[in-house]
Amino acid sequence: MSPADLAVDSGRCLIDLGETGPTLHQITQGVALLPTARDKTRAVFLTYEAESLLRQGEIDHSAALAGEALVLAQRIGASRCLRQISDLARGYEPHRKVQGVEQFLSIVRAAA
């Protein structure tokens, strides 16, 4: 397991435990350590980071990262990540008026 994987997996566990404080740092660190050759993993990690931000109320930043993950997942055909993003998109429904959210949701709908 690489340091990038370890950092993001730690962040993912923190999300599952509801500990959103240190989560973002762990995931961001893992994404930064990830080599560009691992784009599929990058898309998954960006989705985790978007989920962490969404739970922390950073809706606009979260939607931007989720959109980035979606574009990357579409480009490389990462179907598992596309499902994760689609599932995550439900969390944005109450925030349609936040900048970038409606655009993100329409991209998700178009991808479905």
PDB file of N, CA and C in Angstrom:
ATOM      1  N   MET A   1       0.855  -1.173   0.000  1.00  0.00           N
ATOM      2  CA  MET A   1       0.000   0.000   0.000  1.00  0.00           C
ATOM      3  C   MET A   1       0.897   1.230   0.000  1.00  0.00           C
ATOM      4  N   SER A   2       0.604   2.143  -0.896  1.00  0.00           N
ATOM      5  CA  SER A   2       1.413   3.360  -1.016  1.00  0.00           C
ATOM      6  C   SER A   2       1.017   4.375   0.057  1.00  0.00           C
ATOM      7  N   PRO A   3       1.877   5.366   0.304  1.00  0.00           N
ATOM      8  CA  PRO A   3       1.518   6.428   1.254  1.00  0.00           C
ATOM      9  C   PRO A   3       0.242   7.168   0.836  1.00  0.00           C
ATOM     10  N   ALA A   4       0.035   7.323  -0.484  1.00  0.00           N
ATOM     11  CA  ALA A   4      -1.181   7.985  -0.963  1.00  0.00           C
ATOM     12  C   ALA A   4      -2.416   7.181  -0.577  1.00  0.00           C
ATOM     13  N   ASP A   5      -2.354   5.869  -0.816  1.00  0.00           N
ATOM     14  CA  ASP A   5      -3.480   5.003  -0.473  1.00  0.00           C
ATOM     15  C   ASP A   5      -3.757   5.010   1.026  1.00  0.00           C
ATOM     16  N   LEU A   6      -2.696   4.943   1.811  1.00  0.00           N
ATOM     17  CA  LEU A   6      -2.840   4.927   3.261  1.00  0.00           C
ATOM     18  C   LEU A   6      -3.490   6.212   3.778  1.00  0.00           C
ATOM     19  N   ALA A   7      -3.036   7.350   3.253  1.00  0.00           N
ATOM     20  CA  ALA A   7      -3.601   8.633   3.688  1.00  0.00           C
ATOM     21  C   ALA A   7      -5.085   8.722   3.341  1.00  0.00           C
ATOM     22  N   VAL A   8      -5.438   8.346   2.103  1.00  0.00           N
ATOM     23  CA  VAL A   8      -6.839   8.449   1.688  1.00  0.00           C
ATOM     24  C   VAL A   8      -7.700   7.421   2.400  1.00  0.00           C
ATOM     25  N   ASP A   9      -7.199   6.203   2.558  1.00  0.00           N
ATOM     26  CA  ASP A   9      -7.976   5.198   3.278  1.00  0.00           C
ATOM     27  C   ASP A   9      -8.222   5.629   4.724  1.00  0.00           C
ATOM     28  N   SER A  10      -7.240   6.267   5.330  1.00  0.00           N
ATOM     29  CA  SER A  10      -7.430   6.801   6.686  1.00  0.00           C
ATOM     30  C   SER A  10      -8.524   7.857   6.678  1.00  0.00           C
ATOM     31  N   GLY A  11      -8.485   8.745   5.689  1.00  0.00           N
ATOM     32  CA  GLY A  11      -9.523   9.765   5.564  1.00  0.00           C
ATOM     33  C   GLY A  11     -10.890   9.165   5.327  1.00  0.00           C
ATOM     34  N   ARG A  12     -10.953   8.125   4.492  1.00  0.00           N
ATOM     35  CA  ARG A  12     -12.220   7.444   4.215  1.00  0.00           C
ATOM     36  C   ARG A  12     -12.792   6.837   5.497  1.00  0.00           C
ATOM     37  N   CYS A  13     -11.943   6.224   6.294  1.00  0.00           N
ATOM     38  CA  CYS A  13     -12.382   5.649   7.575  1.00  0.00           C
ATOM     39  C   CYS A  13     -12.923   6.743   8.493  1.00  0.00           C
ATOM     40  N   LEU A  14     -12.252   7.897   8.503  1.00  0.00           N
ATOM     41  CA  LEU A  14     -12.707   9.012   9.334  1.00  0.00           C
ATOM     42  C   LEU A  14     -14.070   9.513   8.883  1.00  0.00           C
ATOM     43  N   ILE A  15     -14.308   9.531   7.564  1.00  0.00           N
ATOM     44  CA  ILE A  15     -15.631   9.914   7.050  1.00  0.00           C
ATOM     45  C   ILE A  15     -16.671   8.945   7.599  1.00  0.00           C
ATOM     46  N   ASP A  16     -16.379   7.647   7.478  1.00  0.00           N
ATOM     47  CA  ASP A  16     -17.324   6.631   7.940  1.00  0.00           C
ATOM     48  C   ASP A  16     -17.607   6.743   9.433  1.00  0.00           C
ATOM     49  N   LEU A  17     -16.622   7.225  10.184  1.00  0.00           N
ATOM     50  CA  LEU A  17     -16.793   7.395  11.633  1.00  0.00           C
ATOM     51  C   LEU A  17     -17.429   8.739  11.996  1.00  0.00           C
ATOM     52  N   GLY A  18     -17.651   9.593  10.978  1.00  0.00           N
ATOM     53  CA  GLY A  18     -18.245  10.896  11.227  1.00  0.00           C
ATOM     54  C   GLY A  18     -17.260  11.927  11.752  1.00  0.00           C
ATOM     55  N   GLU A  19     -15.977  11.632  11.669  1.00  0.00           N
ATOM     56  CA  GLU A  19     -14.921  12.546  12.130  1.00  0.00           C
ATOM     57  C   GLU A  19     -14.444  13.395  10.959  1.00  0.00           C
ATOM     58  N   THR A  20     -15.186  14.434  10.630  1.00  0.00           N
ATOM     59  CA  THR A  20     -14.880  15.208   9.428  1.00  0.00           C
ATOM     60  C   THR A  20     -13.703  16.161   9.584  1.00  0.00           C
ATOM     61  N   GLY A  21     -13.321  16.495  10.792  1.00  0.00           N
ATOM     62  CA  GLY A  21     -12.230  17.447  10.997  1.00  0.00           C
ATOM     63  C   GLY A  21     -10.934  17.077  10.293  1.00  0.00           C
ATOM     64  N   PRO A  22     -10.280  15.973  10.686  1.00  0.00           N
ATOM     65  CA  PRO A  22      -9.004  15.606  10.073  1.00  0.00           C
ATOM     66  C   PRO A  22      -9.142  14.904   8.721  1.00  0.00           C
ATOM     67  N   THR A  23     -10.346  14.576   8.338  1.00  0.00           N
ATOM     68  CA  THR A  23     -10.579  13.827   7.106  1.00  0.00           C
ATOM     69  C   THR A  23     -10.024  14.534   5.888  1.00  0.00           C
ATOM     70  N   LEU A  24     -10.367  15.787   5.726  1.00  0.00           N
ATOM     71  CA  LEU A  24      -9.973  16.525   4.529  1.00  0.00           C
ATOM     72  C   LEU A  24      -8.456  16.559   4.378  1.00  0.00           C
ATOM     73  N   HIS A  25      -7.745  16.785   5.464  1.00  0.00           N
ATOM     74  CA  HIS A  25      -6.287  16.830   5.394  1.00  0.00           C
ATOM     75  C   HIS A  25      -5.729  15.493   4.908  1.00  0.00           C
ATOM     76  N   GLN A  26      -6.233  14.399   5.451  1.00  0.00           N
ATOM     77  CA  GLN A  26      -5.753  13.072   5.061  1.00  0.00           C
ATOM     78  C   GLN A  26      -5.983  12.817   3.572  1.00  0.00           C
ATOM     79  N   ILE A  27      -7.181  13.100   3.104  1.00  0.00           N
ATOM     80  CA  ILE A  27      -7.523  12.823   1.709  1.00  0.00           C
ATOM     81  C   ILE A  27      -6.757  13.751   0.770  1.00  0.00           C
ATOM     82  N   THR A  28      -6.687  15.024   1.100  1.00  0.00           N
ATOM     83  CA  THR A  28      -5.952  15.970   0.262  1.00  0.00           C
ATOM     84  C   THR A  28      -4.492  15.565   0.151  1.00  0.00           C
ATOM     85  N   GLN A  29      -3.922  15.155   1.263  1.00  0.00           N
ATOM     86  CA  GLN A  29      -2.533  14.701   1.264  1.00  0.00           C
ATOM     87  C   GLN A  29      -2.368  13.477   0.354  1.00  0.00           C
ATOM     88  N   GLY A  30      -3.282  12.540   0.446  1.00  0.00           N
ATOM     89  CA  GLY A  30      -3.217  11.344  -0.388  1.00  0.00           C
ATOM     90  C   GLY A  30      -3.342  11.647  -1.862  1.00  0.00           C
ATOM     91  N   VAL A  31      -4.251  12.541  -2.225  1.00  0.00           N
ATOM     92  CA  VAL A  31      -4.424  12.924  -3.629  1.00  0.00           C
ATOM     93  C   VAL A  31      -3.143  13.571  -4.149  1.00  0.00           C
ATOM     94  N   ALA A  32      -2.531  14.417  -3.340  1.00  0.00           N
ATOM     95  CA  ALA A  32      -1.301  15.095  -3.746  1.00  0.00           C
ATOM     96  C   ALA A  32      -0.150  14.109  -3.960  1.00  0.00           C
ATOM     97  N   LEU A  33      -0.125  13.021  -3.208  1.00  0.00           N
ATOM     98  CA  LEU A  33       0.943  12.025  -3.316  1.00  0.00           C
ATOM     99  C   LEU A  33       0.740  11.056  -4.478  1.00  0.00           C
ATOM    100  N   LEU A  34      -0.427  11.049  -5.055  1.00  0.00           N
ATOM    101  CA  LEU A  34      -0.769  10.071  -6.072  1.00  0.00           C
ATOM    102  C   LEU A  34      -0.094  10.386  -7.407  1.00  0.00           C
ATOM    103  N   PRO A  35       0.613   9.416  -8.001  1.00  0.00           N
ATOM    104  CA  PRO A  35       1.222   9.652  -9.317  1.00  0.00           C
ATOM    105  C   PRO A  35       0.145   9.781 -10.392  1.00  0.00           C
ATOM    106  N   THR A  36       0.428  10.541 -11.421  1.00  0.00           N
ATOM    107  CA  THR A  36      -0.555  10.795 -12.475  1.00  0.00           C
ATOM    108  C   THR A  36      -0.965   9.530 -13.212  1.00  0.00           C
ATOM    109  N   ALA A  37      -0.159   8.504 -13.167  1.00  0.00           N
ATOM    110  CA  ALA A  37      -0.497   7.244 -13.837  1.00  0.00           C
ATOM    111  C   ALA A  37      -1.698   6.550 -13.191  1.00  0.00           C
ATOM    112  N   ARG A  38      -2.086   6.978 -12.028  1.00  0.00           N
ATOM    113  CA  ARG A  38      -3.200   6.332 -11.306  1.00  0.00           C
ATOM    114  C   ARG A  38      -4.464   7.189 -11.346  1.00  0.00           C
ATOM    115  N   ASP A  39      -4.888   7.566 -12.544  1.00  0.00           N
ATOM    116  CA  ASP A  39      -6.058   8.436 -12.698  1.00  0.00           C
ATOM    117  C   ASP A  39      -7.349   7.811 -12.179  1.00  0.00           C
ATOM    118  N   LYS A  40      -7.499   6.510 -12.325  1.00  0.00           N
ATOM    119  CA  LYS A  40      -8.714   5.867 -11.818  1.00  0.00           C
ATOM    120  C   LYS A  40      -8.795   6.035 -10.300  1.00  0.00           C
ATOM    121  N   THR A  41      -7.689   5.800  -9.642  1.00  0.00           N
ATOM    122  CA  THR A  41      -7.626   5.986  -8.197  1.00  0.00           C
ATOM    123  C   THR A  41      -7.824   7.448  -7.840  1.00  0.00           C
ATOM    124  N   ARG A  42      -7.250   8.351  -8.634  1.00  0.00           N
ATOM    125  CA  ARG A  42      -7.408   9.779  -8.399  1.00  0.00           C
ATOM    126  C   ARG A  42      -8.885  10.171  -8.431  1.00  0.00           C
ATOM    127  N   ALA A  43      -9.630   9.635  -9.381  1.00  0.00           N
ATOM    128  CA  ALA A  43     -11.061   9.948  -9.475  1.00  0.00           C
ATOM    129  C   ALA A  43     -11.799   9.491  -8.213  1.00  0.00           C
ATOM    130  N   VAL A  44     -11.468   8.300  -7.731  1.00  0.00           N
ATOM    131  CA  VAL A  44     -12.094   7.793  -6.501  1.00  0.00           C
ATOM    132  C   VAL A  44     -11.712   8.672  -5.317  1.00  0.00           C
ATOM    133  N   PHE A  45     -10.434   9.012  -5.220  1.00  0.00           N
ATOM    134  CA  PHE A  45      -9.963   9.843  -4.106  1.00  0.00           C
ATOM    135  C   PHE A  45     -10.611  11.223  -4.129  1.00  0.00           C
ATOM    136  N   LEU A  46     -10.760  11.811  -5.322  1.00  0.00           N
ATOM    137  CA  LEU A  46     -11.416  13.122  -5.430  1.00  0.00           C
ATOM    138  C   LEU A  46     -12.875  13.025  -4.990  1.00  0.00           C
ATOM    139  N   THR A  47     -13.501  11.900  -5.276  1.00  0.00           N
ATOM    140  CA  THR A  47     -14.883  11.694  -4.831  1.00  0.00           C
ATOM    141  C   THR A  47     -14.952  11.651  -3.310  1.00  0.00           C
ATOM    142  N   TYR A  48     -14.008  10.969  -2.684  1.00  0.00           N
ATOM    143  CA  TYR A  48     -13.947  10.951  -1.220  1.00  0.00           C
ATOM    144  C   TYR A  48     -13.735  12.359  -0.666  1.00  0.00           C
ATOM    145  N   GLU A  49     -12.851  13.101  -1.304  1.00  0.00           N
ATOM    146  CA  GLU A  49     -12.580  14.466  -0.841  1.00  0.00           C
ATOM    147  C   GLU A  49     -13.842  15.320  -0.977  1.00  0.00           C
ATOM    148  N   ALA A  50     -14.558  15.156  -2.086  1.00  0.00           N
ATOM    149  CA  ALA A  50     -15.808  15.898  -2.283  1.00  0.00           C
ATOM    150  C   ALA A  50     -16.833  15.529  -1.211  1.00  0.00           C
ATOM    151  N   GLU A  51     -16.907  14.256  -0.868  1.00  0.00           N
ATOM    152  CA  GLU A  51     -17.836  13.831   0.176  1.00  0.00           C
ATOM    153  C   GLU A  51     -17.477  14.455   1.521  1.00  0.00           C
ATOM    154  N   SER A  52     -16.199  14.486   1.822  1.00  0.00           N
ATOM    155  CA  SER A  52     -15.756  15.094   3.075  1.00  0.00           C
ATOM    156  C   SER A  52     -16.136  16.571   3.124  1.00  0.00           C
ATOM    157  N   LEU A  53     -15.892  17.273   2.035  1.00  0.00           N
ATOM    158  CA  LEU A  53     -16.235  18.696   1.982  1.00  0.00           C
ATOM    159  C   LEU A  53     -17.742  18.911   2.075  1.00  0.00           C
ATOM    160  N   LEU A  54     -18.511  18.053   1.432  1.00  0.00           N
ATOM    161  CA  LEU A  54     -19.964  18.156   1.493  1.00  0.00           C
ATOM    162  C   LEU A  54     -20.443  18.019   2.935  1.00  0.00           C
ATOM    163  N   ARG A  55     -19.909  17.054   3.647  1.00  0.00           N
ATOM    164  CA  ARG A  55     -20.297  16.841   5.048  1.00  0.00           C
ATOM    165  C   ARG A  55     -19.873  17.989   5.952  1.00  0.00           C
ATOM    166  N   GLN A  56     -18.835  18.722   5.533  1.00  0.00           N
ATOM    167  CA  GLN A  56     -18.368  19.857   6.325  1.00  0.00           C
ATOM    168  C   GLN A  56     -19.069  21.156   5.937  1.00  0.00           C
ATOM    169  N   GLY A  57     -19.962  21.082   4.950  1.00  0.00           N
ATOM    170  CA  GLY A  57     -20.708  22.265   4.542  1.00  0.00           C
ATOM    171  C   GLY A  57     -20.008  23.126   3.508  1.00  0.00           C
ATOM    172  N   GLU A  58     -18.912  22.642   2.959  1.00  0.00           N
ATOM    173  CA  GLU A  58     -18.176  23.363   1.900  1.00  0.00           C
ATOM    174  C   GLU A  58     -18.762  22.945   0.551  1.00  0.00           C
ATOM    175  N   ILE A  59     -20.013  23.323   0.331  1.00  0.00           N
ATOM    176  CA  ILE A  59     -20.792  22.805  -0.783  1.00  0.00           C
ATOM    177  C   ILE A  59     -20.205  23.188  -2.142  1.00  0.00           C
ATOM    178  N   ASP A  60     -19.856  24.446  -2.341  1.00  0.00           N
ATOM    179  CA  ASP A  60     -19.359  24.860  -3.649  1.00  0.00           C
ATOM    180  C   ASP A  60     -18.029  24.193  -3.990  1.00  0.00           C
ATOM    181  N   HIS A  61     -17.116  24.131  -3.040  1.00  0.00           N
ATOM    182  CA  HIS A  61     -15.825  23.467  -3.258  1.00  0.00           C
ATOM    183  C   HIS A  61     -16.049  21.970  -3.496  1.00  0.00           C
ATOM    184  N   SER A  62     -16.947  21.389  -2.747  1.00  0.00           N
ATOM    185  CA  SER A  62     -17.265  19.978  -2.890  1.00  0.00           C
ATOM    186  C   SER A  62     -17.814  19.673  -4.284  1.00  0.00           C
ATOM    187  N   ALA A  63     -18.742  20.486  -4.753  1.00  0.00           N
ATOM    188  CA  ALA A  63     -19.340  20.268  -6.076  1.00  0.00           C
ATOM    189  C   ALA A  63     -18.288  20.392  -7.173  1.00  0.00           C
ATOM    190  N   ALA A  64     -17.358  21.329  -7.005  1.00  0.00           N
ATOM    191  CA  ALA A  64     -16.296  21.496  -8.000  1.00  0.00           C
ATOM    192  C   ALA A  64     -15.409  20.249  -8.055  1.00  0.00           C
ATOM    193  N   LEU A  65     -15.039  19.711  -6.910  1.00  0.00           N
ATOM    194  CA  LEU A  65     -14.210  18.501  -6.889  1.00  0.00           C
ATOM    195  C   LEU A  65     -14.970  17.293  -7.417  1.00  0.00           C
ATOM    196  N   ALA A  66     -16.236  17.181  -7.062  1.00  0.00           N
ATOM    197  CA  ALA A  66     -17.044  16.067  -7.565  1.00  0.00           C
ATOM    198  C   ALA A  66     -17.165  16.150  -9.086  1.00  0.00           C
ATOM    199  N   GLY A  67     -17.306  17.361  -9.598  1.00  0.00           N
ATOM    200  CA  GLY A  67     -17.350  17.552 -11.053  1.00  0.00           C
ATOM    201  C   GLY A  67     -16.035  17.159 -11.708  1.00  0.00           C
ATOM    202  N   GLU A  68     -14.932  17.515 -11.077  1.00  0.00           N
ATOM    203  CA  GLU A  68     -13.607  17.125 -11.585  1.00  0.00           C
ATOM    204  C   GLU A  68     -13.472  15.605 -11.595  1.00  0.00           C
ATOM    205  N   ALA A  69     -13.902  14.972 -10.522  1.00  0.00           N
ATOM    206  CA  ALA A  69     -13.853  13.507 -10.442  1.00  0.00           C
ATOM    207  C   ALA A  69     -14.733  12.879 -11.527  1.00  0.00           C
ATOM    208  N   LEU A  70     -15.890  13.460 -11.761  1.00  0.00           N
ATOM    209  CA  LEU A  70     -16.810  12.939 -12.763  1.00  0.00           C
ATOM    210  C   LEU A  70     -16.206  13.010 -14.163  1.00  0.00           C
ATOM    211  N   VAL A  71     -15.639  14.141 -14.502  1.00  0.00           N
ATOM    212  CA  VAL A  71     -15.020  14.311 -15.822  1.00  0.00           C
ATOM    213  C   VAL A  71     -13.883  13.306 -16.002  1.00  0.00           C
ATOM    214  N   LEU A  72     -13.059  13.165 -14.977  1.00  0.00           N
ATOM    215  CA  LEU A  72     -11.952  12.219 -15.033  1.00  0.00           C
ATOM    216  C   LEU A  72     -12.467  10.787 -15.160  1.00  0.00           C
ATOM    217  N   ALA A  73     -13.460  10.423 -14.372  1.00  0.00           N
ATOM    218  CA  ALA A  73     -14.021   9.070 -14.417  1.00  0.00           C
ATOM    219  C   ALA A  73     -14.645   8.769 -15.778  1.00  0.00           C
ATOM    220  N   GLN A  74     -15.308   9.753 -16.361  1.00  0.00           N
ATOM    221  CA  GLN A  74     -15.884   9.569 -17.694  1.00  0.00           C
ATOM    222  C   GLN A  74     -14.785   9.363 -18.732  1.00  0.00           C
ATOM    223  N   ARG A  75     -13.746  10.165 -18.643  1.00  0.00           N
ATOM    224  CA  ARG A  75     -12.655  10.104 -19.619  1.00  0.00           C
ATOM    225  C   ARG A  75     -11.985   8.740 -19.633  1.00  0.00           C
ATOM    226  N   ILE A  76     -11.818   8.136 -18.458  1.00  0.00           N
ATOM    227  CA  ILE A  76     -11.112   6.856 -18.386  1.00  0.00           C
ATOM    228  C   ILE A  76     -12.055   5.664 -18.270  1.00  0.00           C
ATOM    229  N   GLY A  77     -13.352   5.911 -18.236  1.00  0.00           N
ATOM    230  CA  GLY A  77     -14.324   4.829 -18.175  1.00  0.00           C
ATOM    231  C   GLY A  77     -14.360   4.100 -16.836  1.00  0.00           C
ATOM    232  N   ALA A  78     -14.222   4.843 -15.751  1.00  0.00           N
ATOM    233  CA  ALA A  78     -14.218   4.261 -14.400  1.00  0.00           C
ATOM    234  C   ALA A  78     -15.658   4.148 -13.895  1.00  0.00           C
ATOM    235  N   SER A  79     -16.301   3.037 -14.216  1.00  0.00           N
ATOM    236  CA  SER A  79     -17.727   2.887 -13.908  1.00  0.00           C
ATOM    237  C   SER A  79     -18.010   2.878 -12.406  1.00  0.00           C
ATOM    238  N   ARG A  80     -17.143   2.275 -11.609  1.00  0.00           N
ATOM    239  CA  ARG A  80     -17.354   2.260 -10.151  1.00  0.00           C
ATOM    240  C   ARG A  80     -17.355   3.686  -9.598  1.00  0.00           C
ATOM    241  N   CYS A  81     -16.430   4.481 -10.060  1.00  0.00           N
ATOM    242  CA  CYS A  81     -16.355   5.862  -9.602  1.00  0.00           C
ATOM    243  C   CYS A  81     -17.574   6.659 -10.082  1.00  0.00           C
ATOM    244  N   LEU A  82     -18.026   6.400 -11.285  1.00  0.00           N
ATOM    245  CA  LEU A  82     -19.223   7.086 -11.781  1.00  0.00           C
ATOM    246  C   LEU A  82     -20.429   6.768 -10.895  1.00  0.00           C
ATOM    247  N   ARG A  83     -20.532   5.520 -10.443  1.00  0.00           N
ATOM    248  CA  ARG A  83     -21.624   5.154  -9.520  1.00  0.00           C
ATOM    249  C   ARG A  83     -21.473   5.879  -8.184  1.00  0.00           C
ATOM    250  N   GLN A  84     -20.241   5.961  -7.678  1.00  0.00           N
ATOM    251  CA  GLN A  84     -20.004   6.663  -6.413  1.00  0.00           C
ATOM    252  C   GLN A  84     -20.422   8.126  -6.526  1.00  0.00           C
ATOM    253  N   ILE A  85     -20.065   8.752  -7.624  1.00  0.00           N
ATOM    254  CA  ILE A  85     -20.397  10.161  -7.820  1.00  0.00           C
ATOM    255  C   ILE A  85     -21.901  10.328  -7.947  1.00  0.00           C
ATOM    256  N   SER A  86     -22.536   9.426  -8.659  1.00  0.00           N
ATOM    257  CA  SER A  86     -23.992   9.481  -8.795  1.00  0.00           C
ATOM    258  C   SER A  86     -24.676   9.345  -7.434  1.00  0.00           C
ATOM    259  N   ASP A  87     -24.171   8.436  -6.613  1.00  0.00           N
ATOM    260  CA  ASP A  87     -24.721   8.281  -5.263  1.00  0.00           C
ATOM    261  C   ASP A  87     -24.488   9.535  -4.425  1.00  0.00           C
ATOM    262  N   LEU A  88     -23.295  10.096  -4.537  1.00  0.00           N
ATOM    263  CA  LEU A  88     -22.952  11.309  -3.787  1.00  0.00           C
ATOM    264  C   LEU A  88     -23.813  12.490  -4.214  1.00  0.00           C
ATOM    265  N   ALA A  89     -24.192  12.518  -5.482  1.00  0.00           N
ATOM    266  CA  ALA A  89     -24.953  13.654  -6.024  1.00  0.00           C
ATOM    267  C   ALA A  89     -26.260  13.897  -5.278  1.00  0.00           C
ATOM    268  N   ARG A  90     -26.829  12.856  -4.705  1.00  0.00           N
ATOM    269  CA  ARG A  90     -28.084  13.023  -3.939  1.00  0.00           C
ATOM    270  C   ARG A  90     -27.897  13.984  -2.762  1.00  0.00           C
ATOM    271  N   GLY A  91     -26.707  14.025  -2.222  1.00  0.00           N
ATOM    272  CA  GLY A  91     -26.429  14.916  -1.098  1.00  0.00           C
ATOM    273  C   GLY A  91     -26.427  16.389  -1.469  1.00  0.00           C
ATOM    274  N   TYR A  92     -26.348  16.681  -2.766  1.00  0.00           N
ATOM    275  CA  TYR A  92     -26.342  18.075  -3.221  1.00  0.00           C
ATOM    276  C   TYR A  92     -27.740  18.614  -3.496  1.00  0.00           C
ATOM    277  N   GLU A  93     -28.719  17.722  -3.586  1.00  0.00           N
ATOM    278  CA  GLU A  93     -30.090  18.134  -3.928  1.00  0.00           C
ATOM    279  C   GLU A  93     -30.602  19.293  -3.069  1.00  0.00           C
ATOM    280  N   PRO A  94     -30.414  19.278  -1.750  1.00  0.00           N
ATOM    281  CA  PRO A  94     -30.921  20.393  -0.945  1.00  0.00           C
ATOM    282  C   PRO A  94     -30.139  21.706  -1.140  1.00  0.00           C
ATOM    283  N   HIS A  95     -29.052  21.649  -1.889  1.00  0.00           N
ATOM    284  CA  HIS A  95     -28.169  22.813  -2.033  1.00  0.00           C
ATOM    285  C   HIS A  95     -28.128  23.343  -3.471  1.00  0.00           C
ATOM    286  N   ARG A  96     -29.193  23.160  -4.208  1.00  0.00           N
ATOM    287  CA  ARG A  96     -29.224  23.541  -5.623  1.00  0.00           C
ATOM    288  C   ARG A  96     -28.897  25.012  -5.876  1.00  0.00           C
ATOM    289  N   LYS A  97     -29.164  25.864  -4.912  1.00  0.00           N
ATOM    290  CA  LYS A  97     -28.929  27.302  -5.106  1.00  0.00           C
ATOM    291  C   LYS A  97     -27.469  27.704  -4.871  1.00  0.00           C
ATOM    292  N   VAL A  98     -26.667  26.806  -4.329  1.00  0.00           N
ATOM    293  CA  VAL A  98     -25.257  27.099  -4.083  1.00  0.00           C
ATOM    294  C   VAL A  98     -24.521  27.084  -5.424  1.00  0.00           C
ATOM    295  N   GLN A  99     -23.603  28.009  -5.568  1.00  0.00           N
ATOM    296  CA  GLN A  99     -22.855  28.143  -6.813  1.00  0.00           C
ATOM    297  C   GLN A  99     -22.206  26.822  -7.234  1.00  0.00           C
ATOM    298  N   GLY A 100     -22.454  26.424  -8.473  1.00  0.00           N
ATOM    299  CA  GLY A 100     -21.848  25.237  -9.042  1.00  0.00           C
ATOM    300  C   GLY A 100     -22.626  23.958  -8.858  1.00  0.00           C
ATOM    301  N   VAL A 101     -23.566  23.943  -7.940  1.00  0.00           N
ATOM    302  CA  VAL A 101     -24.285  22.699  -7.636  1.00  0.00           C
ATOM    303  C   VAL A 101     -25.211  22.297  -8.778  1.00  0.00           C
ATOM    304  N   GLU A 102     -26.010  23.222  -9.262  1.00  0.00           N
ATOM    305  CA  GLU A 102     -26.945  22.885 -10.346  1.00  0.00           C
ATOM    306  C   GLU A 102     -26.181  22.425 -11.590  1.00  0.00           C
ATOM    307  N   GLN A 103     -25.081  23.064 -11.885  1.00  0.00           N
ATOM    308  CA  GLN A 103     -24.251  22.656 -13.021  1.00  0.00           C
ATOM    309  C   GLN A 103     -23.712  21.234 -12.807  1.00  0.00           C
ATOM    310  N   PHE A 104     -23.225  20.955 -11.620  1.00  0.00           N
ATOM    311  CA  PHE A 104     -22.742  19.614 -11.311  1.00  0.00           C
ATOM    312  C   PHE A 104     -23.845  18.586 -11.455  1.00  0.00           C
ATOM    313  N   LEU A 105     -25.028  18.877 -10.913  1.00  0.00           N
ATOM    314  CA  LEU A 105     -26.128  17.928 -10.983  1.00  0.00           C
ATOM    315  C   LEU A 105     -26.556  17.682 -12.419  1.00  0.00           C
ATOM    316  N   SER A 106     -26.523  18.691 -13.259  1.00  0.00           N
ATOM    317  CA  SER A 106     -26.902  18.455 -14.653  1.00  0.00           C
ATOM    318  C   SER A 106     -25.860  17.623 -15.374  1.00  0.00           C
ATOM    319  N   ILE A 107     -24.595  17.752 -15.018  1.00  0.00           N
ATOM    320  CA  ILE A 107     -23.556  16.904 -15.609  1.00  0.00           C
ATOM    321  C   ILE A 107     -23.762  15.454 -15.162  1.00  0.00           C
ATOM    322  N   VAL A 108     -24.123  15.266 -13.904  1.00  0.00           N
ATOM    323  CA  VAL A 108     -24.388  13.911 -13.398  1.00  0.00           C
ATOM    324  C   VAL A 108     -25.569  13.304 -14.131  1.00  0.00           C
ATOM    325  N   ARG A 109     -26.639  14.086 -14.312  1.00  0.00           N
ATOM    326  CA  ARG A 109     -27.820  13.580 -15.026  1.00  0.00           C
ATOM    327  C   ARG A 109     -27.468  13.202 -16.463  1.00  0.00           C
ATOM    328  N   ALA A 110     -26.655  14.019 -17.113  1.00  0.00           N
ATOM    329  CA  ALA A 110     -26.258  13.732 -18.492  1.00  0.00           C
ATOM    330  C   ALA A 110     -25.391  12.478 -18.592  1.00  0.00           C
ATOM    331  N   ALA A 111     -24.631  12.203 -17.550  1.00  0.00           N
ATOM    332  CA  ALA A 111     -23.746  11.041 -17.537  1.00  0.00           C
ATOM    333  C   ALA A 111     -24.504   9.744 -17.297  1.00  0.00           C
ATOM    334  N   ALA A 112     -25.692   9.865 -16.713  1.00  0.00           N
ATOM    335  CA  ALA A 112     -26.464   8.656 -16.343  1.00  0.00           C
ATOM    336  C   ALA A 112     -27.070   7.957 -17.532  1.00  0.00           C
TER     337      ALA A 112
END
